[in-house]
Amino acid sequence: MQQQYENNKFLTAREVANEFFQGKLHYQRVLKMTREGELPAVKIGRAYVYLLSELQAWTKKKFGTPAWTGKSFKWAN
């Protein structure tokens, strides 16, 4: 039950940049991706709020399956 609670944690854009992406994305990049609709977030007033479970689902969907899955290739001999 504790794991489910932790996955429903809310994060700020700075926390997403520093904690979720482990500092590999800058805060401004997180905001840009959010404004462009790439990252799942809810806007409350002037700030965005991110649900950890939604970010985890986005990561799994975005990076869980290689782009070439289900495609056939013809190999040159």
N, C-alpha and C. Protein backbone atom coordinates (compact mmCIF):
# COMPACT_ATOMS: atom_id res chain seq x y z
N MET A 1 0.83 -1.20 0.00
CA MET A 1 0.00 0.00 0.00
C MET A 1 0.86 1.25 0.00
N GLN A 2 2.00 1.21 0.68
CA GLN A 2 2.89 2.37 0.73
C GLN A 2 3.39 2.74 -0.67
N GLN A 3 3.73 1.75 -1.50
CA GLN A 3 4.22 2.01 -2.85
C GLN A 3 3.17 2.77 -3.67
N GLN A 4 1.92 2.40 -3.56
CA GLN A 4 0.86 3.09 -4.29
C GLN A 4 0.76 4.55 -3.85
N TYR A 5 0.90 4.82 -2.58
CA TYR A 5 0.86 6.18 -2.07
C TYR A 5 2.01 7.01 -2.62
N GLU A 6 3.21 6.42 -2.65
CA GLU A 6 4.37 7.14 -3.15
C GLU A 6 4.24 7.47 -4.63
N ASN A 7 3.62 6.59 -5.41
CA ASN A 7 3.43 6.85 -6.84
C ASN A 7 2.44 7.96 -7.09
N ASN A 8 1.63 8.32 -6.11
CA ASN A 8 0.66 9.40 -6.27
C ASN A 8 1.18 10.70 -5.68
N LYS A 9 2.46 10.83 -5.60
CA LYS A 9 3.10 12.03 -5.09
C LYS A 9 3.05 13.13 -6.16
N PHE A 10 2.79 14.36 -5.73
CA PHE A 10 2.80 15.49 -6.64
C PHE A 10 4.18 16.13 -6.64
N LEU A 11 4.64 16.56 -7.81
CA LEU A 11 5.94 17.19 -7.96
C LEU A 11 5.80 18.54 -8.65
N THR A 12 6.72 19.45 -8.34
CA THR A 12 6.80 20.71 -9.06
C THR A 12 7.71 20.49 -10.27
N ALA A 13 7.76 21.47 -11.15
CA ALA A 13 8.62 21.37 -12.33
C ALA A 13 10.09 21.23 -11.93
N ARG A 14 10.50 21.96 -10.91
CA ARG A 14 11.89 21.85 -10.43
C ARG A 14 12.18 20.45 -9.88
N GLU A 15 11.23 19.88 -9.15
CA GLU A 15 11.40 18.53 -8.61
C GLU A 15 11.46 17.51 -9.74
N VAL A 16 10.66 17.72 -10.78
CA VAL A 16 10.69 16.81 -11.93
C VAL A 16 12.08 16.85 -12.57
N ALA A 17 12.61 18.05 -12.77
CA ALA A 17 13.94 18.19 -13.37
C ALA A 17 15.02 17.57 -12.49
N ASN A 18 15.00 17.87 -11.21
CA ASN A 18 16.07 17.45 -10.31
C ASN A 18 15.93 16.02 -9.81
N GLU A 19 14.72 15.60 -9.47
CA GLU A 19 14.52 14.28 -8.87
C GLU A 19 14.13 13.23 -9.90
N PHE A 20 13.09 13.50 -10.68
CA PHE A 20 12.60 12.49 -11.62
C PHE A 20 13.60 12.26 -12.75
N PHE A 21 14.09 13.35 -13.34
CA PHE A 21 15.07 13.23 -14.42
C PHE A 21 16.52 13.28 -13.90
N GLN A 22 16.68 13.29 -12.59
CA GLN A 22 17.98 13.23 -11.91
C GLN A 22 18.96 14.28 -12.41
N GLY A 23 18.44 15.47 -12.69
CA GLY A 23 19.28 16.58 -13.12
C GLY A 23 19.73 16.51 -14.56
N LYS A 24 19.26 15.52 -15.31
CA LYS A 24 19.68 15.38 -16.71
C LYS A 24 18.90 16.30 -17.64
N LEU A 25 17.78 16.81 -17.17
CA LEU A 25 17.01 17.81 -17.92
C LEU A 25 16.96 19.07 -17.08
N HIS A 26 17.14 20.20 -17.73
CA HIS A 26 17.08 21.48 -17.04
C HIS A 26 15.62 21.83 -16.76
N TYR A 27 15.39 22.57 -15.72
CA TYR A 27 14.06 23.03 -15.32
C TYR A 27 13.32 23.69 -16.48
N GLN A 28 14.00 24.54 -17.25
CA GLN A 28 13.37 25.23 -18.38
C GLN A 28 12.94 24.24 -19.46
N ARG A 29 13.70 23.17 -19.65
CA ARG A 29 13.35 22.15 -20.64
C ARG A 29 12.08 21.41 -20.19
N VAL A 30 11.97 21.13 -18.91
CA VAL A 30 10.77 20.48 -18.37
C VAL A 30 9.55 21.36 -18.64
N LEU A 31 9.68 22.65 -18.39
CA LEU A 31 8.56 23.57 -18.65
C LEU A 31 8.21 23.62 -20.12
N LYS A 32 9.21 23.64 -20.99
CA LYS A 32 8.96 23.68 -22.44
C LYS A 32 8.24 22.41 -22.89
N MET A 33 8.70 21.26 -22.42
CA MET A 33 8.05 20.00 -22.79
C MET A 33 6.61 19.97 -22.28
N THR A 34 6.37 20.56 -21.13
CA THR A 34 5.03 20.60 -20.57
C THR A 34 4.13 21.50 -21.41
N ARG A 35 4.61 22.70 -21.73
CA ARG A 35 3.82 23.63 -22.54
C ARG A 35 3.50 23.05 -23.91
N GLU A 36 4.40 22.26 -24.46
CA GLU A 36 4.20 21.64 -25.77
C GLU A 36 3.32 20.39 -25.69
N GLY A 37 2.92 20.00 -24.48
CA GLY A 37 2.03 18.86 -24.30
C GLY A 37 2.73 17.52 -24.28
N GLU A 38 4.04 17.53 -24.19
CA GLU A 38 4.78 16.28 -24.19
C GLU A 38 4.78 15.60 -22.83
N LEU A 39 4.88 16.38 -21.76
CA LEU A 39 4.86 15.83 -20.41
C LEU A 39 3.47 16.00 -19.80
N PRO A 40 2.96 14.97 -19.11
CA PRO A 40 1.64 15.08 -18.48
C PRO A 40 1.71 15.95 -17.23
N ALA A 41 0.88 16.98 -17.19
CA ALA A 41 0.84 17.89 -16.04
C ALA A 41 -0.51 18.58 -15.98
N VAL A 42 -0.76 19.19 -14.83
CA VAL A 42 -1.97 19.99 -14.62
C VAL A 42 -1.51 21.38 -14.24
N LYS A 43 -2.10 22.39 -14.85
CA LYS A 43 -1.73 23.76 -14.52
C LYS A 43 -2.67 24.26 -13.43
N ILE A 44 -2.09 24.71 -12.33
CA ILE A 44 -2.84 25.27 -11.22
C ILE A 44 -2.32 26.69 -11.03
N GLY A 45 -3.15 27.65 -11.39
CA GLY A 45 -2.70 29.04 -11.35
C GLY A 45 -1.64 29.25 -12.41
N ARG A 46 -0.47 29.68 -11.97
CA ARG A 46 0.65 29.89 -12.89
C ARG A 46 1.65 28.75 -12.88
N ALA A 47 1.42 27.75 -12.05
CA ALA A 47 2.38 26.66 -11.90
C ALA A 47 1.83 25.35 -12.46
N TYR A 48 2.74 24.48 -12.85
CA TYR A 48 2.38 23.13 -13.28
C TYR A 48 2.62 22.17 -12.12
N VAL A 49 1.76 21.17 -12.03
CA VAL A 49 1.89 20.12 -11.02
C VAL A 49 1.92 18.78 -11.77
N TYR A 50 2.84 17.94 -11.37
CA TYR A 50 3.05 16.65 -12.02
C TYR A 50 2.76 15.53 -11.04
N LEU A 51 2.03 14.53 -11.48
CA LEU A 51 1.74 13.36 -10.67
C LEU A 51 2.78 12.30 -11.00
N LEU A 52 3.49 11.83 -9.99
CA LEU A 52 4.58 10.88 -10.20
C LEU A 52 4.13 9.64 -10.97
N SER A 53 2.97 9.10 -10.65
CA SER A 53 2.50 7.90 -11.36
C SER A 53 2.27 8.17 -12.84
N GLU A 54 1.83 9.38 -13.19
CA GLU A 54 1.64 9.74 -14.60
C GLU A 54 2.98 9.89 -15.31
N LEU A 55 3.96 10.45 -14.63
CA LEU A 55 5.30 10.56 -15.22
C LEU A 55 5.91 9.18 -15.43
N GLN A 56 5.70 8.27 -14.48
CA GLN A 56 6.22 6.91 -14.63
C GLN A 56 5.54 6.19 -15.79
N ALA A 57 4.24 6.37 -15.95
CA ALA A 57 3.51 5.77 -17.07
C ALA A 57 3.99 6.37 -18.40
N TRP A 58 4.22 7.68 -18.42
CA TRP A 58 4.72 8.36 -19.62
C TRP A 58 6.09 7.80 -20.01
N THR A 59 6.95 7.59 -19.02
CA THR A 59 8.29 7.06 -19.27
C THR A 59 8.21 5.65 -19.84
N LYS A 60 7.35 4.84 -19.26
CA LYS A 60 7.20 3.45 -19.72
C LYS A 60 6.68 3.43 -21.16
N LYS A 61 5.71 4.27 -21.46
CA LYS A 61 5.13 4.33 -22.80
C LYS A 61 6.15 4.89 -23.80
N LYS A 62 6.86 5.92 -23.40
CA LYS A 62 7.79 6.62 -24.30
C LYS A 62 9.06 5.82 -24.54
N PHE A 63 9.57 5.16 -23.51
CA PHE A 63 10.87 4.50 -23.61
C PHE A 63 10.83 3.00 -23.40
N GLY A 64 9.67 2.43 -23.12
CA GLY A 64 9.58 1.01 -22.81
C GLY A 64 9.68 0.09 -24.01
N THR A 65 9.26 0.56 -25.19
CA THR A 65 9.25 -0.27 -26.38
C THR A 65 10.15 0.36 -27.44
N PRO A 66 11.10 -0.38 -27.96
CA PRO A 66 11.96 0.18 -29.01
C PRO A 66 11.15 0.58 -30.24
N ALA A 67 11.61 1.58 -30.95
CA ALA A 67 10.91 2.11 -32.11
C ALA A 67 10.77 1.08 -33.22
N TRP A 68 11.68 0.14 -33.30
CA TRP A 68 11.66 -0.83 -34.38
C TRP A 68 10.78 -2.04 -34.10
N THR A 69 10.15 -2.11 -32.95
CA THR A 69 9.31 -3.24 -32.60
C THR A 69 8.14 -3.35 -33.59
N GLY A 70 7.92 -4.54 -34.10
CA GLY A 70 6.82 -4.80 -35.02
C GLY A 70 7.11 -4.43 -36.46
N LYS A 71 8.30 -3.97 -36.75
CA LYS A 71 8.67 -3.62 -38.13
C LYS A 71 9.53 -4.73 -38.71
N SER A 72 9.39 -4.93 -40.02
CA SER A 72 10.21 -5.94 -40.68
C SER A 72 11.30 -5.23 -41.48
N PHE A 73 12.41 -5.89 -41.59
CA PHE A 73 13.55 -5.34 -42.30
C PHE A 73 14.01 -6.32 -43.37
N LYS A 74 14.47 -5.78 -44.47
CA LYS A 74 15.09 -6.60 -45.50
C LYS A 74 16.59 -6.39 -45.41
N TRP A 75 17.29 -7.47 -45.22
CA TRP A 75 18.73 -7.38 -45.07
C TRP A 75 19.39 -7.55 -46.43
N ALA A 76 20.32 -6.67 -46.72
CA ALA A 76 21.06 -6.75 -47.98
C ALA A 76 22.12 -7.83 -47.86
N ASN A 77 22.27 -8.60 -48.93
CA ASN A 77 23.30 -9.67 -48.94
C ASN A 77 24.47 -9.25 -49.74
